[in-house]
Amino acid sequence: MTRLERIKVSSVFIGAIVGAGFATGKEIILFFGNGGFVAPLVTGIAMGLCAVIFLYVGKIISRLKENGSLNKKAYKVVSFALFAIIELCMLLTMTAMIGGMQKLAGDLPWQRAGGFLIAALCVGLSSLGAKAVRRINLALVPVLFVLLSVLFCVSSKEIKPLPFDLKKSAGYLSMNMLLGGCLAVKDGEKASSKDILKIGATCATVLGIMTFFVYSAASDYPQSDMPVYSLCAAHGLKVAGALAVGIAILTTLAGAAKSLGDGIYAVFPSKAGVTAVLLLLALASYGWDFANAVNLFYPFIAAVASGVFILVFLAFVVLSVAQRIMRQKRKRYDAEISSVIENVYTDNTNI
């Protein structure tokens, strides 16, 4: 991979994680509000490092496919089961993000319609494939990072390092891994081990800092429905707050639509058809209230994400062991072949 390609992969993973709940600070306060800043900082770093696991799983699966060592029947059964569950979660995520964009645009009908059109445009562009999503996130993630840096600077910074609730940190990490992980697995197929480590380091650094920034900003108004936006309003930065939330919604929406589109394409291989189906699903999401969507969908998504993350981690361990065993067998086989060739050469020389 080139440096730009690694940055694009990192942007897609980061953009998939930093959704509306993250940017508003609401979910950060929900999970870390009773603790110190060490927890969100460490959890953000851990989320970034998890990109390494997903990328390696994609890389190992690709190698096993090439070697013919993968049990195709078992792989298809597991893949289909995960595919059905994950695609449902992507649809629910897309619905929630579309509702969030409508809510952000305003309460008047024409304002909500404008928010929906922006969301629909993002969905339509995402259906064009990975390149479109990478370009969207490559443009938006740096802007979001700068905005969060500004909000951190204007926050009171009256935060303590401890306590640290490991259970909540683990729950938050798992909840955010589903979409980012789905997008990262495919990128692992063409990434070298060096690429994977660099991408993981980039994601860990950026997500650690961003999570820390959001926690600092949200801690000034922990009782607010949108803590970060309340901080913005108090400092005359409403536009910056709205922009930060809007970007977070669009990056997550782009990732969810891309993942959902890939699933539809597997069943109905037509790019035009995928775009049409995604736009129809987006239209069906019109009018959803963001808060209701989050309260209704997120517990289910969080539960599924935790299960998928555990399965991926187990797959990572199993596939790593399997690959190591294959390497050892290949070394023994090569050694035996070399020995046979050497013996034949020696016999011919003696003759």
Protein backbone atom coordinates (compact mmCIF):
# COMPACT_ATOMS: atom_id res chain seq x y z
CA MET A 1 0.00 0.00 0.00
CA THR A 2 1.04 3.59 -0.59
CA ARG A 3 0.94 6.11 2.27
CA LEU A 4 -2.23 7.65 0.83
CA GLU A 5 -3.93 4.24 0.65
CA ARG A 6 -3.07 3.58 4.31
CA ILE A 7 -4.50 6.97 5.28
CA LYS A 8 -7.69 6.24 3.34
CA VAL A 9 -8.15 2.86 5.08
CA SER A 10 -7.55 4.54 8.45
CA SER A 11 -10.07 7.28 7.61
CA VAL A 12 -12.76 4.75 6.71
CA PHE A 13 -12.25 2.84 9.97
CA ILE A 14 -12.22 6.03 12.09
CA GLY A 15 -15.16 7.58 10.26
CA ALA A 16 -17.25 4.45 10.76
CA ILE A 17 -16.76 4.66 14.54
CA VAL A 18 -17.29 8.37 15.22
CA GLY A 19 -21.06 8.55 14.81
CA ALA A 20 -23.64 11.05 16.03
CA GLY A 21 -23.60 9.74 19.59
CA PHE A 22 -19.83 10.12 19.70
CA ALA A 23 -19.71 13.66 18.30
CA THR A 24 -22.53 14.97 20.50
CA GLY A 25 -20.75 13.55 23.54
CA LYS A 26 -23.91 11.83 24.76
CA GLU A 27 -22.67 8.25 24.47
CA ILE A 28 -19.25 9.25 25.84
CA ILE A 29 -20.88 10.64 28.98
CA LEU A 30 -23.18 7.62 29.15
CA PHE A 31 -20.22 5.21 29.30
CA PHE A 32 -17.51 7.32 30.93
CA GLY A 33 -19.34 10.12 32.75
CA ASN A 34 -18.75 8.65 36.21
CA GLY A 35 -15.07 7.99 35.61
CA GLY A 36 -11.89 9.81 34.68
CA PHE A 37 -10.28 10.71 31.36
CA VAL A 38 -7.93 7.69 31.35
CA ALA A 39 -10.84 5.36 30.44
CA PRO A 40 -11.97 7.13 27.23
CA LEU A 41 -8.36 7.76 26.22
CA VAL A 42 -7.34 4.10 26.63
CA THR A 43 -10.59 2.85 25.05
CA GLY A 44 -10.07 5.10 22.03
CA ILE A 45 -6.54 3.75 21.61
CA ALA A 46 -7.82 0.17 21.99
CA MET A 47 -10.50 0.76 19.33
CA GLY A 48 -7.81 1.89 16.93
CA LEU A 49 -5.60 -1.10 17.69
CA CYS A 50 -8.54 -3.42 16.98
CA ALA A 51 -8.20 -2.40 13.34
CA VAL A 52 -5.07 -4.59 13.35
CA ILE A 53 -7.12 -7.66 14.35
CA PHE A 54 -9.75 -7.15 11.63
CA LEU A 55 -7.14 -6.42 8.97
CA TYR A 56 -5.13 -9.52 9.90
CA VAL A 57 -8.27 -11.70 9.80
CA GLY A 58 -8.97 -10.44 6.28
CA LYS A 59 -5.36 -11.07 5.27
CA ILE A 60 -5.25 -14.62 6.69
CA ILE A 61 -8.62 -15.59 5.17
CA SER A 62 -7.38 -14.34 1.79
CA ARG A 63 -4.23 -16.50 2.08
CA LEU A 64 -6.19 -19.58 3.16
CA LYS A 65 -8.51 -19.14 0.17
CA GLU A 66 -5.54 -18.96 -2.19
CA ASN A 67 -3.95 -22.06 -0.65
CA GLY A 68 -7.22 -23.99 -0.75
CA SER A 69 -6.88 -24.67 2.98
CA LEU A 70 -10.18 -23.08 3.95
CA ASN A 71 -13.19 -25.32 4.52
CA LYS A 72 -15.42 -23.69 1.92
CA LYS A 73 -18.68 -25.21 3.12
CA ALA A 74 -18.17 -24.19 6.76
CA TYR A 75 -16.90 -20.78 5.66
CA LYS A 76 -20.02 -20.19 3.55
CA VAL A 77 -22.38 -21.17 6.38
CA VAL A 78 -20.66 -18.93 8.93
CA SER A 79 -20.33 -16.10 6.41
CA PHE A 80 -24.02 -16.23 5.50
CA ALA A 81 -25.13 -16.19 9.14
CA LEU A 82 -22.91 -13.23 9.95
CA PHE A 83 -23.88 -11.57 6.67
CA ALA A 84 -27.60 -11.62 7.50
CA ILE A 85 -27.15 -10.27 11.03
CA ILE A 86 -24.59 -7.62 10.09
CA GLU A 87 -26.60 -6.36 7.12
CA LEU A 88 -29.60 -5.88 9.42
CA CYS A 89 -27.40 -3.87 11.80
CA MET A 90 -26.13 -1.77 8.89
CA LEU A 91 -29.71 -1.00 7.87
CA LEU A 92 -30.59 0.02 11.42
CA THR A 93 -27.45 2.17 11.65
CA MET A 94 -28.26 3.85 8.35
CA THR A 95 -31.81 4.54 9.53
CA ALA A 96 -30.57 6.07 12.79
CA MET A 97 -28.01 8.28 11.03
CA ILE A 98 -30.59 9.53 8.52
CA GLY A 99 -32.84 10.40 11.46
CA GLY A 100 -29.90 12.16 13.10
CA MET A 101 -29.23 14.30 10.03
CA GLN A 102 -32.91 15.28 9.87
CA LYS A 103 -32.88 16.22 13.55
CA LEU A 104 -29.70 18.24 13.14
CA ALA A 105 -31.17 20.18 10.22
CA GLY A 106 -34.09 21.46 12.33
CA ASP A 107 -37.66 20.79 13.41
CA LEU A 108 -39.49 22.48 10.53
CA PRO A 109 -40.65 20.19 7.69
CA TRP A 110 -38.52 21.93 5.05
CA GLN A 111 -35.47 21.75 7.32
CA ARG A 112 -35.94 18.03 7.93
CA ALA A 113 -36.39 17.52 4.19
CA GLY A 114 -33.10 19.33 3.57
CA GLY A 115 -31.33 17.15 6.13
CA PHE A 116 -32.78 14.04 4.50
CA LEU A 117 -31.59 15.13 1.04
CA ILE A 118 -28.03 15.56 2.33
CA ALA A 119 -28.19 12.10 3.91
CA ALA A 120 -29.66 10.58 0.71
CA LEU A 121 -26.86 12.16 -1.33
CA CYS A 122 -24.30 10.58 0.98
CA VAL A 123 -26.03 7.19 0.65
CA GLY A 124 -26.09 7.53 -3.14
CA LEU A 125 -22.39 8.39 -3.32
CA SER A 126 -21.52 5.53 -0.94
CA SER A 127 -23.18 3.04 -3.26
CA LEU A 128 -20.49 3.80 -5.84
CA GLY A 129 -18.10 1.67 -3.80
CA ALA A 130 -15.09 1.78 -1.52
CA LYS A 131 -13.38 4.60 -3.41
CA ALA A 132 -16.33 6.94 -2.85
CA VAL A 133 -16.49 6.14 0.89
CA ARG A 134 -12.74 6.62 1.25
CA ARG A 135 -12.91 10.00 -0.44
CA ILE A 136 -15.84 11.11 1.75
CA ASN A 137 -14.08 10.06 4.96
CA LEU A 138 -10.66 11.28 3.85
CA ALA A 139 -12.16 14.75 3.41
CA LEU A 140 -14.36 14.78 6.53
CA VAL A 141 -12.34 13.02 9.26
CA PRO A 142 -9.50 15.62 9.34
CA VAL A 143 -12.08 18.43 9.56
CA LEU A 144 -13.79 16.65 12.47
CA PHE A 145 -10.42 16.23 14.21
CA VAL A 146 -9.71 19.97 13.91
CA LEU A 147 -13.17 20.89 15.20
CA LEU A 148 -12.82 18.60 18.22
CA SER A 149 -9.39 20.11 18.90
CA VAL A 150 -10.99 23.57 19.00
CA LEU A 151 -13.71 22.35 21.38
CA PHE A 152 -11.09 20.82 23.65
CA CYS A 153 -9.29 24.17 23.80
CA VAL A 154 -12.43 26.04 24.90
CA SER A 155 -13.45 23.40 27.46
CA SER A 156 -12.74 23.94 31.16
CA LYS A 157 -10.54 20.79 31.32
CA GLU A 158 -11.68 20.21 34.90
CA ILE A 159 -11.41 16.45 34.59
CA LYS A 160 -9.66 13.82 36.71
CA PRO A 161 -7.73 10.79 35.46
CA LEU A 162 -9.55 8.15 37.54
CA PRO A 163 -11.61 6.02 38.28
CA PHE A 164 -11.42 3.51 35.43
CA ASP A 165 -14.41 1.20 34.79
CA LEU A 166 -13.04 -1.70 32.72
CA LYS A 167 -16.48 -3.23 32.09
CA LYS A 168 -17.89 -0.03 30.56
CA SER A 169 -14.75 0.47 28.50
CA ALA A 170 -15.01 -3.06 27.12
CA GLY A 171 -18.70 -2.58 26.34
CA TYR A 172 -18.08 0.69 24.52
CA LEU A 173 -15.21 -0.81 22.53
CA SER A 174 -17.31 -3.78 21.38
CA MET A 175 -20.28 -1.60 20.46
CA ASN A 176 -18.17 0.47 18.10
CA MET A 177 -16.32 -2.33 16.37
CA LEU A 178 -19.04 -3.77 14.13
CA LEU A 179 -19.11 -1.27 11.27
CA GLY A 180 -15.41 -0.38 11.36
CA GLY A 181 -14.48 -4.06 11.51
CA CYS A 182 -16.68 -5.01 8.56
CA LEU A 183 -15.01 -2.37 6.42
CA ALA A 184 -11.48 -3.21 7.62
CA VAL A 185 -11.63 -6.97 6.93
CA LYS A 186 -11.76 -6.50 3.15
CA ASP A 187 -8.87 -4.03 3.19
CA GLY A 188 -6.76 -6.63 4.97
CA GLU A 189 -6.65 -8.79 1.83
CA LYS A 190 -4.21 -6.47 0.07
CA ALA A 191 -2.33 -5.08 3.08
CA SER A 192 1.10 -6.24 4.13
CA SER A 193 1.95 -6.84 7.79
CA LYS A 194 3.82 -3.54 7.80
CA ASP A 195 0.78 -1.75 6.34
CA ILE A 196 -1.50 -3.27 8.97
CA LEU A 197 0.70 -2.17 11.85
CA LYS A 198 0.96 1.38 10.49
CA ILE A 199 -2.80 1.61 9.96
CA GLY A 200 -3.41 0.31 13.49
CA ALA A 201 -1.00 2.86 14.96
CA THR A 202 -2.68 5.70 13.03
CA CYS A 203 -6.18 4.66 14.09
CA ALA A 204 -5.12 4.21 17.72
CA THR A 205 -3.51 7.65 17.88
CA VAL A 206 -6.36 9.52 16.21
CA LEU A 207 -9.20 7.71 18.01
CA GLY A 208 -7.45 8.01 21.38
CA ILE A 209 -7.05 11.78 20.99
CA MET A 210 -10.54 12.31 19.56
CA THR A 211 -12.23 10.30 22.32
CA PHE A 212 -10.27 12.25 24.93
CA PHE A 213 -11.22 15.56 23.29
CA VAL A 214 -14.93 14.67 23.20
CA TYR A 215 -14.87 13.52 26.83
CA SER A 216 -13.23 16.78 27.91
CA ALA A 217 -15.73 18.90 25.99
CA ALA A 218 -18.78 16.87 27.06
CA SER A 219 -17.77 16.88 30.75
CA ASP A 220 -18.61 20.59 31.01
CA TYR A 221 -22.31 19.86 30.33
CA PRO A 222 -22.86 16.20 31.33
CA GLN A 223 -26.62 16.60 31.92
CA SER A 224 -27.33 17.98 28.44
CA ASP A 225 -28.89 15.86 25.69
CA MET A 226 -26.07 17.08 23.43
CA PRO A 227 -23.17 17.99 25.77
CA VAL A 228 -20.70 18.99 23.06
CA TYR A 229 -23.26 21.16 21.30
CA SER A 230 -24.11 22.84 24.62
CA LEU A 231 -20.44 23.71 25.05
CA CYS A 232 -20.41 25.16 21.54
CA ALA A 233 -23.50 27.25 22.24
CA ALA A 234 -21.95 28.62 25.45
CA HIS A 235 -18.91 29.85 23.49
CA GLY A 236 -20.74 31.11 20.40
CA LEU A 237 -19.66 28.11 18.33
CA LYS A 238 -23.03 26.65 17.36
CA VAL A 239 -22.02 26.35 13.72
CA ALA A 240 -18.84 24.46 14.64
CA GLY A 241 -20.85 22.12 16.89
CA ALA A 242 -23.44 21.44 14.22
CA LEU A 243 -20.69 20.87 11.67
CA ALA A 244 -18.88 18.39 13.94
CA VAL A 245 -22.04 16.37 14.54
CA GLY A 246 -23.02 16.54 10.87
CA ILE A 247 -19.63 15.25 9.73
CA ALA A 248 -19.74 12.41 12.27
CA ILE A 249 -23.19 11.41 11.02
CA LEU A 250 -22.13 11.45 7.36
CA THR A 251 -18.95 9.41 7.88
CA THR A 252 -20.86 6.72 9.78
CA LEU A 253 -23.71 6.86 7.25
CA ALA A 254 -21.26 6.44 4.37
CA GLY A 255 -19.72 3.35 5.98
CA ALA A 256 -23.08 1.76 6.81
CA ALA A 257 -24.45 2.39 3.31
CA LYS A 258 -21.27 0.98 1.73
CA SER A 259 -21.42 -2.20 3.82
CA LEU A 260 -25.14 -2.61 3.17
CA GLY A 261 -24.58 -1.98 -0.54
CA ASP A 262 -21.91 -4.69 -0.69
CA GLY A 263 -24.40 -7.15 0.77
CA ILE A 264 -27.09 -6.18 -1.74
CA TYR A 265 -24.59 -6.43 -4.61
CA ALA A 266 -23.76 -10.03 -3.59
CA VAL A 267 -27.43 -10.91 -4.17
CA PHE A 268 -28.20 -8.46 -6.97
CA PRO A 269 -24.97 -7.67 -8.91
CA SER A 270 -25.92 -4.35 -10.46
CA LYS A 271 -24.44 -1.03 -9.33
CA ALA A 272 -27.46 0.88 -10.57
CA GLY A 273 -29.74 -1.58 -8.82
CA VAL A 274 -27.78 -1.29 -5.56
CA THR A 275 -28.02 2.51 -5.69
CA ALA A 276 -31.77 2.32 -6.32
CA VAL A 277 -32.35 -0.12 -3.44
CA LEU A 278 -30.25 1.96 -1.03
CA LEU A 279 -32.12 5.14 -1.93
CA LEU A 280 -35.45 3.37 -1.46
CA LEU A 281 -34.30 2.14 1.97
CA ALA A 282 -33.20 5.70 2.77
CA LEU A 283 -36.61 6.99 1.73
CA ALA A 284 -38.26 4.41 4.01
CA SER A 285 -36.16 5.86 6.85
CA TYR A 286 -37.57 9.36 6.33
CA GLY A 287 -39.28 10.74 9.42
CA TRP A 288 -37.55 8.49 11.95
CA ASP A 289 -36.82 10.31 15.20
CA PHE A 290 -33.12 10.04 16.03
CA ALA A 291 -33.58 9.57 19.78
CA ASN A 292 -36.21 6.85 19.30
CA ALA A 293 -34.05 5.11 16.68
CA VAL A 294 -31.04 5.11 19.02
CA ASN A 295 -33.05 3.85 22.00
CA LEU A 296 -34.69 1.13 19.91
CA PHE A 297 -31.81 -0.01 17.67
CA TYR A 298 -28.58 0.57 19.58
CA PRO A 299 -29.07 -2.05 22.33
CA PHE A 300 -29.57 -4.69 19.63
CA ILE A 301 -26.61 -3.43 17.59
CA ALA A 302 -24.43 -3.32 20.71
CA ALA A 303 -25.32 -6.92 21.60
CA VAL A 304 -24.63 -8.15 18.06
CA ALA A 305 -21.39 -6.15 17.88
CA SER A 306 -20.13 -7.72 21.09
CA GLY A 307 -20.83 -11.21 19.75
CA VAL A 308 -19.25 -10.50 16.38
CA PHE A 309 -16.18 -8.95 17.98
CA ILE A 310 -15.69 -12.04 20.17
CA LEU A 311 -16.06 -14.31 17.12
CA VAL A 312 -13.59 -12.24 15.12
CA PHE A 313 -11.07 -12.34 17.96
CA LEU A 314 -11.45 -16.13 18.20
CA ALA A 315 -11.13 -16.39 14.43
CA PHE A 316 -7.98 -14.29 14.63
CA VAL A 317 -6.46 -16.70 17.16
CA VAL A 318 -7.57 -19.87 15.33
CA LEU A 319 -6.52 -18.64 11.90
CA SER A 320 -3.17 -17.42 13.22
CA VAL A 321 -2.50 -20.86 14.72
CA ALA A 322 -3.67 -22.56 11.51
CA GLN A 323 -1.39 -20.38 9.41
CA ARG A 324 1.56 -21.11 11.71
CA ILE A 325 0.93 -24.87 11.42
CA MET A 326 0.74 -24.55 7.62
CA ARG A 327 4.08 -22.74 7.56
CA GLN A 328 5.70 -25.43 9.68
CA LYS A 329 4.33 -28.18 7.41
CA ARG A 330 5.57 -26.32 4.33
CA LYS A 331 9.04 -25.95 5.88
CA ARG A 332 9.15 -29.69 6.65
CA TYR A 333 7.93 -30.50 3.14
CA ASP A 334 10.54 -28.21 1.56
CA ALA A 335 13.22 -29.77 3.77
CA GLU A 336 12.18 -33.29 2.69
CA ILE A 337 12.19 -32.30 -1.00
CA SER A 338 15.62 -30.72 -0.62
CA SER A 339 16.89 -33.89 1.08
CA VAL A 340 15.55 -36.10 -1.73
CA ILE A 341 17.08 -33.88 -4.40
CA GLU A 342 20.41 -33.85 -2.56
CA ASN A 343 20.41 -37.67 -2.28
CA VAL A 344 19.59 -38.08 -5.98
CA TYR A 345 22.34 -35.64 -6.89
CA THR A 346 24.82 -37.51 -4.67
CA ASP A 347 23.86 -40.89 -6.17
CA ASN A 348 24.26 -39.56 -9.72
CA THR A 349 27.65 -38.11 -8.86
CA ASN A 350 28.85 -41.42 -7.45
CA ILE A 351 27.68 -43.24 -10.55
